[in-house]
Amino acid sequence: MAERLQSPTRTKATWKPRIDDGDPCFLTDQKATLLVVDTGRPSGYREPGRSPIAELPYQHPVDTVTSAGLTPLPFIECDEVPEGVALRYRIVGGYDANAVQVTWDIVPYLADRAENPVRLAWVMLKTFTGLQVKYPLPGKRGPLVFALADEDAYVYCDEPVCQECTFRCKQGMVLYGAFEGLGVVRVPLSPNRR
């Protein structure tokens, strides 16, 4: 019997990766959005053992980051997004390769208004091992695709296509979408929240 070869993107981990609930810190000076990627704390684990929880340097930012006239940018939770705006995801692929597809909708009356039009500026995916950012160029229609590899590609089963079942392999990952004229929408990757 031939041995099944694994994709180089598939994790070799025998335990489900977990990540701390802390969100990245987005700061604004009303002209730009800045992301705190390092607070001086090293990466590490909390609750060591068979399934440790990773803590990454961008989580739990120190209070001094606001001393330069920058203010934290609050999140809009996915169930608080105004009607006419949507940010959705699907997990695609399966055992050997998987990814997160992101789609968005903005109704024309919000996108075309003269003052403060709403448009998607960028999308960020918080994974078990870090952050990925994509910028939809003008005229870009969804989806945006975030490829997953190593621990981020962890799956419980060997299905060729993800069933998005109750195991919730990507639980802990979070999608952030910055909508100009609205704010940063936060969508946890969980089958119950789309």
N, C-alpha and C. Protein backbone atom coordinates (compact mmCIF):
# COMPACT_ATOMS: atom_id res chain seq x y z
N MET A 1 0.85 -1.18 0.00
CA MET A 1 0.00 0.00 0.00
C MET A 1 0.89 1.24 0.00
N ALA A 2 0.60 2.18 -0.87
CA ALA A 2 1.41 3.39 -0.98
C ALA A 2 1.12 4.33 0.19
N GLU A 3 2.18 4.93 0.70
CA GLU A 3 2.04 5.87 1.81
C GLU A 3 1.47 7.19 1.28
N ARG A 4 0.52 7.73 2.00
CA ARG A 4 -0.10 8.99 1.59
C ARG A 4 0.86 10.14 1.92
N LEU A 5 1.22 10.93 0.91
CA LEU A 5 2.10 12.07 1.13
C LEU A 5 1.30 13.27 1.57
N GLN A 6 1.83 13.95 2.56
CA GLN A 6 1.15 15.15 3.05
C GLN A 6 1.63 16.37 2.30
N SER A 7 0.74 17.32 2.14
CA SER A 7 1.08 18.60 1.53
C SER A 7 2.08 19.31 2.44
N PRO A 8 3.00 20.09 1.87
CA PRO A 8 3.93 20.84 2.70
C PRO A 8 3.23 21.92 3.55
N THR A 9 1.98 22.26 3.21
CA THR A 9 1.26 23.26 4.01
C THR A 9 0.57 22.64 5.22
N ARG A 10 0.46 21.32 5.26
CA ARG A 10 -0.24 20.66 6.37
C ARG A 10 0.65 20.63 7.61
N THR A 11 0.04 20.83 8.75
CA THR A 11 0.78 20.82 10.01
C THR A 11 1.18 19.40 10.39
N LYS A 12 2.26 19.31 11.12
CA LYS A 12 2.69 18.03 11.68
C LYS A 12 2.27 17.94 13.15
N ALA A 13 1.60 18.98 13.66
CA ALA A 13 1.18 19.01 15.06
C ALA A 13 0.17 17.89 15.32
N THR A 14 0.29 17.28 16.47
CA THR A 14 -0.65 16.23 16.86
C THR A 14 -1.69 16.75 17.84
N TRP A 15 -1.67 18.05 18.12
CA TRP A 15 -2.65 18.67 19.02
C TRP A 15 -3.19 19.93 18.36
N LYS A 16 -4.42 20.28 18.70
CA LYS A 16 -5.04 21.46 18.11
C LYS A 16 -4.39 22.71 18.66
N PRO A 17 -3.89 23.58 17.80
CA PRO A 17 -3.33 24.85 18.27
C PRO A 17 -4.42 25.71 18.89
N ARG A 18 -4.05 26.47 19.91
CA ARG A 18 -4.98 27.41 20.53
C ARG A 18 -4.25 28.74 20.68
N ILE A 19 -5.04 29.82 20.71
CA ILE A 19 -4.47 31.16 20.81
C ILE A 19 -5.24 31.96 21.85
N ASP A 20 -4.55 32.86 22.49
CA ASP A 20 -5.17 33.75 23.48
C ASP A 20 -6.25 34.58 22.79
N ASP A 21 -7.27 34.96 23.54
CA ASP A 21 -8.38 35.74 23.00
C ASP A 21 -8.02 37.18 22.68
N GLY A 22 -6.84 37.66 23.10
CA GLY A 22 -6.48 39.05 22.88
C GLY A 22 -6.46 39.43 21.40
N ASP A 23 -7.02 40.60 21.10
CA ASP A 23 -7.06 41.10 19.73
C ASP A 23 -5.83 41.95 19.46
N PRO A 24 -5.48 42.09 18.18
CA PRO A 24 -4.45 43.08 17.83
C PRO A 24 -4.95 44.47 18.20
N CYS A 25 -4.03 45.39 18.43
CA CYS A 25 -4.40 46.76 18.79
C CYS A 25 -4.26 47.64 17.56
N PHE A 26 -5.37 48.18 17.10
CA PHE A 26 -5.37 49.12 15.98
C PHE A 26 -5.46 50.52 16.56
N LEU A 27 -4.59 51.41 16.11
CA LEU A 27 -4.57 52.80 16.58
C LEU A 27 -4.84 53.72 15.40
N THR A 28 -5.40 54.90 15.69
CA THR A 28 -5.67 55.85 14.62
C THR A 28 -5.34 57.26 15.08
N ASP A 29 -4.96 58.09 14.10
CA ASP A 29 -4.82 59.52 14.34
C ASP A 29 -5.78 60.26 13.42
N GLN A 30 -6.84 59.58 12.99
CA GLN A 30 -7.87 60.07 12.08
C GLN A 30 -7.40 60.13 10.64
N LYS A 31 -6.11 59.96 10.36
CA LYS A 31 -5.60 59.95 8.99
C LYS A 31 -5.13 58.56 8.59
N ALA A 32 -4.65 57.80 9.55
CA ALA A 32 -4.09 56.48 9.26
C ALA A 32 -4.45 55.51 10.37
N THR A 33 -4.43 54.23 10.01
CA THR A 33 -4.62 53.17 10.99
C THR A 33 -3.29 52.47 11.16
N LEU A 34 -2.86 52.34 12.40
CA LEU A 34 -1.60 51.67 12.71
C LEU A 34 -1.90 50.41 13.51
N LEU A 35 -1.09 49.40 13.31
CA LEU A 35 -1.24 48.14 14.01
C LEU A 35 -0.03 47.94 14.90
N VAL A 36 -0.26 47.64 16.16
CA VAL A 36 0.82 47.33 17.09
C VAL A 36 1.17 45.85 16.87
N VAL A 37 2.37 45.59 16.33
CA VAL A 37 2.76 44.21 16.07
C VAL A 37 3.69 43.64 17.13
N ASP A 38 4.25 44.50 17.96
CA ASP A 38 5.18 44.03 18.99
C ASP A 38 5.11 44.97 20.18
N THR A 39 4.80 44.42 21.34
CA THR A 39 4.72 45.23 22.55
C THR A 39 5.92 45.01 23.46
N GLY A 40 6.93 44.33 22.95
CA GLY A 40 8.12 44.07 23.76
C GLY A 40 8.02 42.78 24.55
N ARG A 41 6.88 42.14 24.51
CA ARG A 41 6.72 40.85 25.20
C ARG A 41 7.05 39.74 24.21
N PRO A 42 7.82 38.76 24.61
CA PRO A 42 8.14 37.68 23.68
C PRO A 42 6.94 36.75 23.48
N SER A 43 6.96 36.02 22.37
CA SER A 43 5.95 34.99 22.15
C SER A 43 6.13 33.92 23.20
N GLY A 44 5.05 33.28 23.56
CA GLY A 44 5.15 32.22 24.55
C GLY A 44 3.84 31.47 24.68
N TYR A 45 3.78 30.61 25.68
CA TYR A 45 2.58 29.81 25.92
C TYR A 45 2.06 30.06 27.33
N ARG A 46 0.75 30.01 27.43
CA ARG A 46 0.07 30.03 28.72
C ARG A 46 -0.59 28.66 28.85
N GLU A 47 -0.70 28.17 30.03
CA GLU A 47 -1.25 26.83 30.27
C GLU A 47 -0.44 25.78 29.52
N PRO A 48 0.83 25.61 29.86
CA PRO A 48 1.64 24.61 29.15
C PRO A 48 1.05 23.22 29.33
N GLY A 49 1.42 22.33 28.45
CA GLY A 49 0.92 20.96 28.50
C GLY A 49 0.62 20.48 27.11
N ARG A 50 -0.30 19.57 26.99
CA ARG A 50 -0.63 18.94 25.71
C ARG A 50 -1.23 19.93 24.72
N SER A 51 -1.99 20.92 25.20
CA SER A 51 -2.65 21.88 24.31
C SER A 51 -2.46 23.30 24.86
N PRO A 52 -1.25 23.84 24.75
CA PRO A 52 -0.98 25.16 25.33
C PRO A 52 -1.69 26.28 24.54
N ILE A 53 -1.87 27.41 25.18
CA ILE A 53 -2.46 28.58 24.53
C ILE A 53 -1.34 29.55 24.19
N ALA A 54 -1.21 29.86 22.91
CA ALA A 54 -0.16 30.77 22.44
C ALA A 54 -0.52 32.20 22.78
N GLU A 55 0.49 32.96 23.22
CA GLU A 55 0.35 34.41 23.42
C GLU A 55 1.39 35.06 22.51
N LEU A 56 0.93 35.91 21.61
CA LEU A 56 1.81 36.53 20.62
C LEU A 56 2.09 37.98 20.98
N PRO A 57 3.19 38.56 20.50
CA PRO A 57 3.63 39.89 20.92
C PRO A 57 2.65 41.03 20.63
N TYR A 58 1.73 40.87 19.69
CA TYR A 58 0.80 41.95 19.39
C TYR A 58 -0.38 41.99 20.36
N GLN A 59 -0.56 40.96 21.17
CA GLN A 59 -1.67 40.92 22.10
C GLN A 59 -1.29 41.65 23.39
N HIS A 60 -2.30 42.19 24.06
CA HIS A 60 -2.11 42.88 25.33
C HIS A 60 -1.13 44.05 25.22
N PRO A 61 -1.41 45.03 24.34
CA PRO A 61 -0.47 46.14 24.17
C PRO A 61 -0.35 46.98 25.44
N VAL A 62 0.80 47.58 25.59
CA VAL A 62 1.04 48.42 26.75
C VAL A 62 0.33 49.76 26.56
N ASP A 63 0.02 50.46 27.66
CA ASP A 63 -0.72 51.71 27.61
C ASP A 63 0.06 52.85 26.97
N THR A 64 1.36 52.76 26.89
CA THR A 64 2.15 53.87 26.37
C THR A 64 1.97 54.11 24.87
N VAL A 65 1.35 53.17 24.16
CA VAL A 65 1.19 53.36 22.72
C VAL A 65 0.27 54.53 22.38
N THR A 66 -0.56 54.96 23.31
CA THR A 66 -1.48 56.06 23.03
C THR A 66 -0.87 57.42 23.38
N SER A 67 0.36 57.45 23.87
CA SER A 67 0.97 58.71 24.29
C SER A 67 1.37 59.60 23.11
N ALA A 68 1.36 59.08 21.89
CA ALA A 68 1.77 59.87 20.73
C ALA A 68 0.56 60.50 20.03
N GLY A 69 -0.55 60.67 20.73
CA GLY A 69 -1.74 61.27 20.15
C GLY A 69 -2.57 60.29 19.35
N LEU A 70 -2.31 59.01 19.52
CA LEU A 70 -3.07 57.98 18.83
C LEU A 70 -4.12 57.42 19.77
N THR A 71 -5.26 57.06 19.22
CA THR A 71 -6.32 56.48 20.04
C THR A 71 -6.65 55.08 19.53
N PRO A 72 -6.98 54.18 20.44
CA PRO A 72 -7.35 52.83 20.01
C PRO A 72 -8.61 52.87 19.14
N LEU A 73 -8.63 52.06 18.12
CA LEU A 73 -9.77 51.97 17.22
C LEU A 73 -10.66 50.84 17.72
N PRO A 74 -11.89 51.13 18.12
CA PRO A 74 -12.76 50.07 18.66
C PRO A 74 -13.27 49.16 17.55
N PHE A 75 -13.67 47.98 17.93
CA PHE A 75 -14.22 47.01 16.99
C PHE A 75 -15.73 47.10 16.94
N ILE A 76 -16.29 46.76 15.79
CA ILE A 76 -17.72 46.57 15.64
C ILE A 76 -17.91 45.07 15.55
N GLU A 77 -18.62 44.49 16.50
CA GLU A 77 -18.85 43.05 16.47
C GLU A 77 -19.76 42.71 15.30
N CYS A 78 -19.62 41.48 14.77
CA CYS A 78 -20.34 41.12 13.55
C CYS A 78 -21.85 41.22 13.68
N ASP A 79 -22.39 41.05 14.88
CA ASP A 79 -23.84 41.16 15.04
C ASP A 79 -24.30 42.61 15.25
N GLU A 80 -23.36 43.57 15.25
CA GLU A 80 -23.69 44.98 15.39
C GLU A 80 -23.44 45.78 14.11
N VAL A 81 -23.11 45.09 13.02
CA VAL A 81 -22.82 45.76 11.75
C VAL A 81 -24.13 46.33 11.20
N PRO A 82 -24.10 47.58 10.72
CA PRO A 82 -25.31 48.18 10.17
C PRO A 82 -25.86 47.37 8.99
N GLU A 83 -27.17 47.42 8.84
CA GLU A 83 -27.80 46.73 7.72
C GLU A 83 -27.25 47.29 6.41
N GLY A 84 -26.98 46.40 5.49
CA GLY A 84 -26.44 46.80 4.20
C GLY A 84 -24.95 46.57 4.07
N VAL A 85 -24.30 46.16 5.17
CA VAL A 85 -22.86 45.86 5.15
C VAL A 85 -22.69 44.44 5.70
N ALA A 86 -21.87 43.64 5.03
CA ALA A 86 -21.62 42.27 5.50
C ALA A 86 -20.18 41.87 5.22
N LEU A 87 -19.62 41.10 6.14
CA LEU A 87 -18.30 40.50 5.99
C LEU A 87 -18.47 39.03 6.37
N ARG A 88 -18.23 38.13 5.39
CA ARG A 88 -18.47 36.71 5.60
C ARG A 88 -17.22 35.90 5.23
N TYR A 89 -17.16 34.69 5.72
CA TYR A 89 -16.05 33.80 5.39
C TYR A 89 -16.57 32.39 5.14
N ARG A 90 -15.73 31.60 4.48
CA ARG A 90 -15.92 30.16 4.30
C ARG A 90 -14.57 29.50 4.43
N ILE A 91 -14.54 28.36 5.06
CA ILE A 91 -13.30 27.58 5.10
C ILE A 91 -13.36 26.62 3.92
N VAL A 92 -12.35 26.67 3.08
CA VAL A 92 -12.33 25.84 1.87
C VAL A 92 -11.11 24.93 1.93
N GLY A 93 -11.17 23.87 1.17
CA GLY A 93 -10.10 22.89 1.20
C GLY A 93 -10.37 21.89 2.31
N GLY A 94 -9.37 21.13 2.64
CA GLY A 94 -9.55 20.11 3.67
C GLY A 94 -8.22 19.62 4.19
N TYR A 95 -8.06 18.30 4.19
CA TYR A 95 -6.92 17.66 4.83
C TYR A 95 -5.57 18.17 4.34
N ASP A 96 -5.36 18.22 3.05
CA ASP A 96 -4.04 18.57 2.52
C ASP A 96 -3.82 20.06 2.30
N ALA A 97 -4.86 20.81 2.11
CA ALA A 97 -4.71 22.25 1.88
C ALA A 97 -6.02 22.92 2.26
N ASN A 98 -5.93 23.96 3.07
CA ASN A 98 -7.15 24.69 3.39
C ASN A 98 -6.87 26.17 3.47
N ALA A 99 -7.94 26.93 3.31
CA ALA A 99 -7.84 28.38 3.23
C ALA A 99 -9.13 28.99 3.77
N VAL A 100 -9.09 30.30 3.96
CA VAL A 100 -10.28 31.05 4.37
C VAL A 100 -10.62 31.99 3.23
N GLN A 101 -11.83 31.85 2.70
CA GLN A 101 -12.33 32.75 1.65
C GLN A 101 -13.18 33.82 2.31
N VAL A 102 -12.95 35.07 1.96
CA VAL A 102 -13.68 36.19 2.55
C VAL A 102 -14.45 36.92 1.46
N THR A 103 -15.73 37.14 1.74
CA THR A 103 -16.57 37.94 0.84
C THR A 103 -17.17 39.08 1.64
N TRP A 104 -17.59 40.11 0.94
CA TRP A 104 -18.18 41.27 1.59
C TRP A 104 -19.25 41.87 0.69
N ASP A 105 -20.18 42.56 1.31
CA ASP A 105 -21.24 43.26 0.60
C ASP A 105 -21.41 44.64 1.19
N ILE A 106 -21.61 45.61 0.33
CA ILE A 106 -21.96 46.97 0.75
C ILE A 106 -23.06 47.42 -0.20
N VAL A 107 -24.22 47.75 0.33
CA VAL A 107 -25.32 48.15 -0.54
C VAL A 107 -24.97 49.47 -1.22
N PRO A 108 -25.44 49.67 -2.46
CA PRO A 108 -25.06 50.86 -3.23
C PRO A 108 -25.32 52.19 -2.53
N TYR A 109 -26.42 52.31 -1.80
CA TYR A 109 -26.69 53.61 -1.19
C TYR A 109 -25.64 53.98 -0.13
N LEU A 110 -24.97 53.01 0.46
CA LEU A 110 -23.88 53.31 1.41
C LEU A 110 -22.56 53.55 0.67
N ALA A 111 -22.31 52.77 -0.37
CA ALA A 111 -21.05 52.88 -1.12
C ALA A 111 -21.00 54.13 -1.98
N ASP A 112 -22.16 54.61 -2.44
CA ASP A 112 -22.19 55.72 -3.39
C ASP A 112 -22.56 57.06 -2.76
N ARG A 113 -22.76 57.10 -1.46
CA ARG A 113 -23.16 58.38 -0.88
C ARG A 113 -22.02 59.40 -0.98
N ALA A 114 -22.39 60.66 -1.09
CA ALA A 114 -21.42 61.74 -1.32
C ALA A 114 -20.50 61.94 -0.11
N GLU A 115 -21.06 61.94 1.08
CA GLU A 115 -20.24 62.12 2.28
C GLU A 115 -20.06 60.79 2.99
N ASN A 116 -18.82 60.51 3.36
CA ASN A 116 -18.49 59.33 4.14
C ASN A 116 -18.94 58.02 3.48
N PRO A 117 -18.55 57.76 2.21
CA PRO A 117 -18.95 56.49 1.58
C PRO A 117 -18.28 55.32 2.29
N VAL A 118 -18.97 54.19 2.28
CA VAL A 118 -18.45 52.99 2.93
C VAL A 118 -17.78 52.13 1.87
N ARG A 119 -16.52 51.75 2.13
CA ARG A 119 -15.81 50.82 1.25
C ARG A 119 -14.85 49.99 2.10
N LEU A 120 -14.56 48.80 1.63
CA LEU A 120 -13.64 47.91 2.34
C LEU A 120 -12.21 48.32 2.03
N ALA A 121 -11.46 48.71 3.06
CA ALA A 121 -10.07 49.16 2.89
C ALA A 121 -9.08 48.01 2.99
N TRP A 122 -9.27 47.12 3.98
CA TRP A 122 -8.38 45.98 4.15
C TRP A 122 -9.07 44.92 4.99
N VAL A 123 -8.53 43.70 4.92
CA VAL A 123 -9.02 42.58 5.71
C VAL A 123 -7.81 41.91 6.35
N MET A 124 -7.92 41.58 7.63
CA MET A 124 -6.84 40.90 8.34
C MET A 124 -7.39 39.62 8.97
N LEU A 125 -6.60 38.57 8.89
CA LEU A 125 -6.95 37.31 9.53
C LEU A 125 -5.96 37.04 10.65
N LYS A 126 -6.47 36.90 11.87
CA LYS A 126 -5.66 36.48 13.01
C LYS A 126 -5.71 34.97 13.04
N THR A 127 -4.52 34.33 12.93
CA THR A 127 -4.43 32.88 12.93
C THR A 127 -3.75 32.42 14.22
N PHE A 128 -3.51 31.14 14.33
CA PHE A 128 -2.83 30.61 15.51
C PHE A 128 -1.38 31.08 15.59
N THR A 129 -0.77 31.39 14.43
CA THR A 129 0.65 31.73 14.43
C THR A 129 0.96 33.18 14.09
N GLY A 130 -0.05 33.99 13.78
CA GLY A 130 0.25 35.38 13.44
C GLY A 130 -0.91 36.08 12.76
N LEU A 131 -0.57 37.00 11.87
CA LEU A 131 -1.56 37.85 11.20
C LEU A 131 -1.30 37.84 9.70
N GLN A 132 -2.36 37.88 8.91
CA GLN A 132 -2.26 38.03 7.46
C GLN A 132 -3.16 39.21 7.06
N VAL A 133 -2.70 40.05 6.13
CA VAL A 133 -3.47 41.21 5.68
C VAL A 133 -3.60 41.19 4.16
N LYS A 134 -4.78 41.55 3.68
CA LYS A 134 -5.03 41.69 2.24
C LYS A 134 -5.76 42.99 2.00
N TYR A 135 -5.47 43.60 0.85
CA TYR A 135 -6.10 44.87 0.45
C TYR A 135 -6.87 44.64 -0.85
N PRO A 136 -8.19 44.78 -0.85
CA PRO A 136 -8.92 44.64 -2.10
C PRO A 136 -8.70 45.89 -2.96
N LEU A 137 -8.15 45.70 -4.14
CA LEU A 137 -7.90 46.82 -5.04
C LEU A 137 -9.22 47.33 -5.62
N PRO A 138 -9.26 48.57 -6.10
CA PRO A 138 -10.51 49.11 -6.66
C PRO A 138 -11.09 48.17 -7.73
N GLY A 139 -12.37 47.92 -7.61
CA GLY A 139 -13.05 47.04 -8.55
C GLY A 139 -12.96 45.57 -8.20
N LYS A 140 -12.19 45.22 -7.19
CA LYS A 140 -12.04 43.81 -6.79
C LYS A 140 -13.35 43.30 -6.22
N ARG A 141 -13.77 42.18 -6.74
CA ARG A 141 -14.94 41.48 -6.22
C ARG A 141 -14.43 40.30 -5.42
N GLY A 142 -15.15 39.89 -4.40
CA GLY A 142 -14.72 38.77 -3.58
C GLY A 142 -14.70 37.48 -4.37
N PRO A 143 -14.03 36.49 -3.85
CA PRO A 143 -13.46 36.46 -2.52
C PRO A 143 -11.98 36.88 -2.47
N LEU A 144 -11.56 37.27 -1.27
CA LEU A 144 -10.14 37.33 -0.94
C LEU A 144 -9.83 35.97 -0.32
N VAL A 145 -8.65 35.42 -0.59
CA VAL A 145 -8.33 34.09 -0.10
C VAL A 145 -7.07 34.17 0.77
N PHE A 146 -7.21 33.68 2.00
CA PHE A 146 -6.09 33.57 2.93
C PHE A 146 -5.66 32.11 2.99
N ALA A 147 -4.49 31.79 2.46
CA ALA A 147 -3.98 30.42 2.48
C ALA A 147 -3.46 30.10 3.87
N LEU A 148 -3.68 28.89 4.32
CA LEU A 148 -3.25 28.46 5.65
C LEU A 148 -2.19 27.38 5.53
N ALA A 149 -1.22 27.44 6.42
CA ALA A 149 -0.15 26.45 6.44
C ALA A 149 0.30 26.21 7.87
N ASP A 150 1.07 25.15 8.06
CA ASP A 150 1.63 24.79 9.36
C ASP A 150 0.50 24.67 10.39
N GLU A 151 0.67 25.18 11.61
CA GLU A 151 -0.36 25.03 12.64
C GLU A 151 -1.69 25.66 12.23
N ASP A 152 -1.65 26.71 11.41
CA ASP A 152 -2.89 27.34 10.97
C ASP A 152 -3.73 26.41 10.12
N ALA A 153 -3.12 25.42 9.51
CA ALA A 153 -3.82 24.48 8.64
C ALA A 153 -4.30 23.25 9.39
N TYR A 154 -4.24 23.26 10.71
CA TYR A 154 -4.64 22.09 11.49
C TYR A 154 -6.08 21.72 11.22
N VAL A 155 -6.32 20.42 11.02
CA VAL A 155 -7.68 19.90 10.92
C VAL A 155 -7.76 18.60 11.73
N TYR A 156 -8.94 18.33 12.26
CA TYR A 156 -9.14 17.10 13.03
C TYR A 156 -9.29 15.88 12.13
N CYS A 157 -9.94 16.06 11.00
CA CYS A 157 -10.32 14.92 10.18
C CYS A 157 -9.45 14.82 8.93
N ASP A 158 -9.77 13.84 8.08
CA ASP A 158 -9.02 13.68 6.84
C ASP A 158 -9.93 13.91 5.63
N GLU A 159 -10.96 14.72 5.80
CA GLU A 159 -11.88 15.03 4.70
C GLU A 159 -11.16 15.87 3.64
N PRO A 160 -11.41 15.59 2.36
CA PRO A 160 -10.78 16.40 1.31
C PRO A 160 -11.39 17.81 1.22
N VAL A 161 -12.63 17.95 1.69
CA VAL A 161 -13.30 19.25 1.71
C VAL A 161 -13.81 19.49 3.12
N CYS A 162 -13.51 20.66 3.68
CA CYS A 162 -13.93 20.98 5.04
C CYS A 162 -15.45 20.97 5.15
N GLN A 163 -15.94 20.29 6.18
CA GLN A 163 -17.38 20.21 6.45
C GLN A 163 -17.84 21.31 7.41
N GLU A 164 -16.90 22.11 7.92
CA GLU A 164 -17.19 23.13 8.94
C GLU A 164 -18.09 22.54 10.02
N CYS A 165 -17.62 21.44 10.59
CA CYS A 165 -18.41 20.66 11.53
C CYS A 165 -18.24 21.17 12.96
N THR A 166 -18.72 20.38 13.90
CA THR A 166 -18.69 20.79 15.31
C THR A 166 -17.29 20.80 15.91
N PHE A 167 -16.30 20.22 15.24
CA PHE A 167 -14.93 20.26 15.78
C PHE A 167 -14.34 21.67 15.74
N ARG A 168 -14.81 22.51 14.83
CA ARG A 168 -14.40 23.92 14.73
C ARG A 168 -12.88 24.06 14.80
N CYS A 169 -12.19 23.47 13.85
CA CYS A 169 -10.73 23.46 13.81
C CYS A 169 -10.12 24.86 13.83
N LYS A 170 -10.82 25.84 13.29
CA LYS A 170 -10.26 27.19 13.20
C LYS A 170 -10.76 28.10 14.31
N GLN A 171 -11.45 27.55 15.31
CA GLN A 171 -11.94 28.37 16.40
C GLN A 171 -10.77 29.03 17.13
N GLY A 172 -10.87 30.32 17.34
CA GLY A 172 -9.78 31.11 17.91
C GLY A 172 -9.25 32.10 16.88
N MET A 173 -9.40 31.74 15.59
CA MET A 173 -9.02 32.68 14.54
C MET A 173 -10.10 33.76 14.44
N VAL A 174 -9.69 34.96 14.03
CA VAL A 174 -10.62 36.08 13.92
C VAL A 174 -10.34 36.84 12.63
N LEU A 175 -11.39 37.29 11.99
CA LEU A 175 -11.32 38.10 10.78
C LEU A 175 -11.64 39.54 11.16
N TYR A 176 -10.83 40.48 10.66
CA TYR A 176 -11.06 41.91 10.90
C TYR A 176 -11.18 42.58 9.53
N GLY A 177 -12.23 43.35 9.33
CA GLY A 177 -12.41 44.07 8.08
C GLY A 177 -12.57 45.55 8.36
N ALA A 178 -11.69 46.36 7.78
CA ALA A 178 -11.75 47.81 7.99
C ALA A 178 -12.60 48.43 6.88
N PHE A 179 -13.75 48.95 7.27
CA PHE A 179 -14.64 49.61 6.33
C PHE A 179 -14.52 51.11 6.53
N GLU A 180 -14.00 51.81 5.51
CA GLU A 180 -13.94 53.27 5.60
C GLU A 180 -15.35 53.79 5.73
N GLY A 181 -15.54 54.77 6.60
CA GLY A 181 -16.87 55.32 6.85
C GLY A 181 -17.66 54.53 7.85
N LEU A 182 -17.06 53.47 8.43
CA LEU A 182 -17.76 52.63 9.39
C LEU A 182 -16.88 52.25 10.58
N GLY A 183 -15.77 51.55 10.33
CA GLY A 183 -14.87 51.10 11.39
C GLY A 183 -14.35 49.71 11.10
N VAL A 184 -13.78 49.07 12.11
CA VAL A 184 -13.21 47.73 11.98
C VAL A 184 -14.23 46.70 12.49
N VAL A 185 -14.67 45.84 11.59
CA VAL A 185 -15.63 44.79 11.93
C VAL A 185 -14.85 43.55 12.35
N ARG A 186 -15.27 42.95 13.46
CA ARG A 186 -14.59 41.77 14.03
C ARG A 186 -15.51 40.55 13.88
N VAL A 187 -15.00 39.51 13.19
CA VAL A 187 -15.80 38.29 12.95
C VAL A 187 -14.99 37.08 13.41
N PRO A 188 -15.35 36.46 14.54
CA PRO A 188 -14.66 35.23 14.96
C PRO A 188 -14.97 34.09 14.00
N LEU A 189 -13.99 33.23 13.73
CA LEU A 189 -14.23 32.06 12.88
C LEU A 189 -14.85 30.96 13.72
N SER A 190 -16.13 30.92 13.67
CA SER A 190 -16.91 29.95 14.41
C SER A 190 -18.15 29.65 13.59
N PRO A 191 -18.58 28.39 13.50
CA PRO A 191 -19.73 28.06 12.66
C PRO A 191 -20.98 28.84 13.03
N ASN A 192 -21.08 29.32 14.26
CA ASN A 192 -22.28 30.04 14.68
C ASN A 192 -22.27 31.49 14.29
N ARG A 193 -21.11 32.05 13.86
CA ARG A 193 -20.99 33.49 13.60
C ARG A 193 -20.50 33.69 12.19
N ARG A 194 -21.34 34.07 11.27
CA ARG A 194 -20.93 34.36 9.91
C ARG A 194 -21.55 35.63 9.49
